[in-house]
Amino acid sequence: MSELIWRLVMGTIIGLGFGTVFGVAIGQLAVGWAVGLIVGCLFAATPVRR
């Protein structure tokens, strides 16, 4: 369970970081954040590889 929470937190941080850079690059910060959160959710949803 803690693994899932950690992945959600990391996905959100990565998503917002990527979204901020992407949003500034295209001049639409809200769009960048939306794309970033989708990327973060995909990261959190991917199966753990060990």
N, C-alpha and C. Protein backbone atom coordinates (compact mmCIF):
# COMPACT_ATOMS: atom_id res chain seq x y z
N MET A 1 0.82 -1.20 0.00
CA MET A 1 0.00 0.00 0.00
C MET A 1 0.86 1.26 0.00
N SER A 2 1.92 1.25 0.80
CA SER A 2 2.79 2.43 0.84
C SER A 2 3.48 2.65 -0.50
N GLU A 3 3.72 1.56 -1.24
CA GLU A 3 4.32 1.68 -2.57
C GLU A 3 3.40 2.48 -3.50
N LEU A 4 2.10 2.22 -3.43
CA LEU A 4 1.14 2.94 -4.26
C LEU A 4 1.12 4.42 -3.90
N ILE A 5 1.11 4.72 -2.61
CA ILE A 5 1.10 6.12 -2.18
C ILE A 5 2.37 6.83 -2.64
N TRP A 6 3.52 6.16 -2.49
CA TRP A 6 4.79 6.74 -2.92
C TRP A 6 4.76 7.03 -4.41
N ARG A 7 4.22 6.09 -5.20
CA ARG A 7 4.16 6.28 -6.66
C ARG A 7 3.21 7.42 -7.02
N LEU A 8 2.10 7.56 -6.29
CA LEU A 8 1.18 8.66 -6.56
C LEU A 8 1.84 10.01 -6.25
N VAL A 9 2.56 10.06 -5.12
CA VAL A 9 3.25 11.31 -4.76
C VAL A 9 4.32 11.65 -5.79
N MET A 10 5.14 10.66 -6.15
CA MET A 10 6.19 10.89 -7.13
C MET A 10 5.60 11.26 -8.49
N GLY A 11 4.52 10.59 -8.87
CA GLY A 11 3.86 10.91 -10.13
C GLY A 11 3.35 12.34 -10.16
N THR A 12 2.80 12.79 -9.04
CA THR A 12 2.30 14.17 -8.96
C THR A 12 3.44 15.17 -9.06
N ILE A 13 4.53 14.89 -8.33
CA ILE A 13 5.69 15.80 -8.36
C ILE A 13 6.29 15.85 -9.76
N ILE A 14 6.51 14.68 -10.36
CA ILE A 14 7.07 14.62 -11.71
C ILE A 14 6.12 15.31 -12.70
N GLY A 15 4.82 15.02 -12.55
CA GLY A 15 3.83 15.61 -13.46
C GLY A 15 3.78 17.12 -13.38
N LEU A 16 3.79 17.67 -12.17
CA LEU A 16 3.74 19.12 -12.02
C LEU A 16 5.04 19.77 -12.50
N GLY A 17 6.16 19.10 -12.24
CA GLY A 17 7.44 19.63 -12.73
C GLY A 17 7.49 19.65 -14.25
N PHE A 18 7.12 18.53 -14.86
CA PHE A 18 7.08 18.45 -16.32
C PHE A 18 6.05 19.42 -16.87
N GLY A 19 4.88 19.48 -16.21
CA GLY A 19 3.81 20.36 -16.67
C GLY A 19 4.19 21.82 -16.62
N THR A 20 4.93 22.21 -15.59
CA THR A 20 5.37 23.61 -15.49
C THR A 20 6.31 23.96 -16.63
N VAL A 21 7.28 23.10 -16.90
CA VAL A 21 8.22 23.34 -18.00
C VAL A 21 7.48 23.37 -19.33
N PHE A 22 6.61 22.38 -19.54
CA PHE A 22 5.85 22.29 -20.79
C PHE A 22 4.92 23.49 -20.93
N GLY A 23 4.24 23.85 -19.84
CA GLY A 23 3.30 24.98 -19.87
C GLY A 23 4.00 26.29 -20.19
N VAL A 24 5.15 26.54 -19.58
CA VAL A 24 5.90 27.76 -19.86
C VAL A 24 6.37 27.76 -21.32
N ALA A 25 6.77 26.59 -21.82
CA ALA A 25 7.27 26.49 -23.19
C ALA A 25 6.19 26.84 -24.21
N ILE A 26 4.94 26.42 -23.95
CA ILE A 26 3.86 26.70 -24.91
C ILE A 26 3.08 27.95 -24.52
N GLY A 27 3.39 28.55 -23.36
CA GLY A 27 2.72 29.77 -22.94
C GLY A 27 1.35 29.54 -22.32
N GLN A 28 1.02 28.30 -22.00
CA GLN A 28 -0.28 27.97 -21.39
C GLN A 28 -0.01 27.09 -20.17
N LEU A 29 0.18 27.71 -19.00
CA LEU A 29 0.57 26.97 -17.81
C LEU A 29 -0.49 25.97 -17.39
N ALA A 30 -1.77 26.35 -17.49
CA ALA A 30 -2.85 25.45 -17.08
C ALA A 30 -2.87 24.20 -17.96
N VAL A 31 -2.65 24.37 -19.25
CA VAL A 31 -2.60 23.22 -20.16
C VAL A 31 -1.41 22.34 -19.83
N GLY A 32 -0.28 22.96 -19.54
CA GLY A 32 0.91 22.20 -19.17
C GLY A 32 0.70 21.38 -17.92
N TRP A 33 0.04 21.99 -16.90
CA TRP A 33 -0.23 21.26 -15.67
C TRP A 33 -1.18 20.09 -15.92
N ALA A 34 -2.20 20.29 -16.77
CA ALA A 34 -3.14 19.21 -17.08
C ALA A 34 -2.39 18.05 -17.74
N VAL A 35 -1.55 18.36 -18.71
CA VAL A 35 -0.76 17.32 -19.37
C VAL A 35 0.18 16.65 -18.37
N GLY A 36 0.79 17.45 -17.51
CA GLY A 36 1.70 16.91 -16.50
C GLY A 36 1.02 15.97 -15.53
N LEU A 37 -0.20 16.31 -15.11
CA LEU A 37 -0.93 15.43 -14.19
C LEU A 37 -1.31 14.13 -14.87
N ILE A 38 -1.63 14.18 -16.17
CA ILE A 38 -1.91 12.95 -16.91
C ILE A 38 -0.65 12.08 -16.96
N VAL A 39 0.50 12.71 -17.24
CA VAL A 39 1.77 11.98 -17.25
C VAL A 39 2.04 11.37 -15.87
N GLY A 40 1.77 12.14 -14.81
CA GLY A 40 1.97 11.64 -13.46
C GLY A 40 1.08 10.46 -13.14
N CYS A 41 -0.18 10.53 -13.59
CA CYS A 41 -1.10 9.41 -13.36
C CYS A 41 -0.64 8.17 -14.12
N LEU A 42 -0.15 8.34 -15.33
CA LEU A 42 0.36 7.21 -16.10
C LEU A 42 1.57 6.60 -15.40
N PHE A 43 2.43 7.45 -14.84
CA PHE A 43 3.59 6.95 -14.09
C PHE A 43 3.13 6.14 -12.89
N ALA A 44 2.14 6.65 -12.17
CA ALA A 44 1.65 5.95 -10.97
C ALA A 44 0.94 4.65 -11.33
N ALA A 45 0.35 4.59 -12.53
CA ALA A 45 -0.43 3.42 -12.92
C ALA A 45 0.43 2.30 -13.52
N THR A 46 1.65 2.64 -13.93
CA THR A 46 2.49 1.60 -14.55
C THR A 46 2.88 0.56 -13.51
N PRO A 47 2.93 -0.70 -13.90
CA PRO A 47 3.30 -1.75 -12.95
C PRO A 47 4.74 -1.60 -12.48
N VAL A 48 4.98 -2.02 -11.27
CA VAL A 48 6.32 -1.93 -10.69
C VAL A 48 7.21 -3.02 -11.29
N ARG A 49 8.38 -2.60 -11.76
CA ARG A 49 9.33 -3.57 -12.33
C ARG A 49 10.44 -3.80 -11.32
N ARG A 50 10.64 -5.06 -10.95
CA ARG A 50 11.71 -5.37 -9.99
C ARG A 50 12.64 -6.40 -10.61
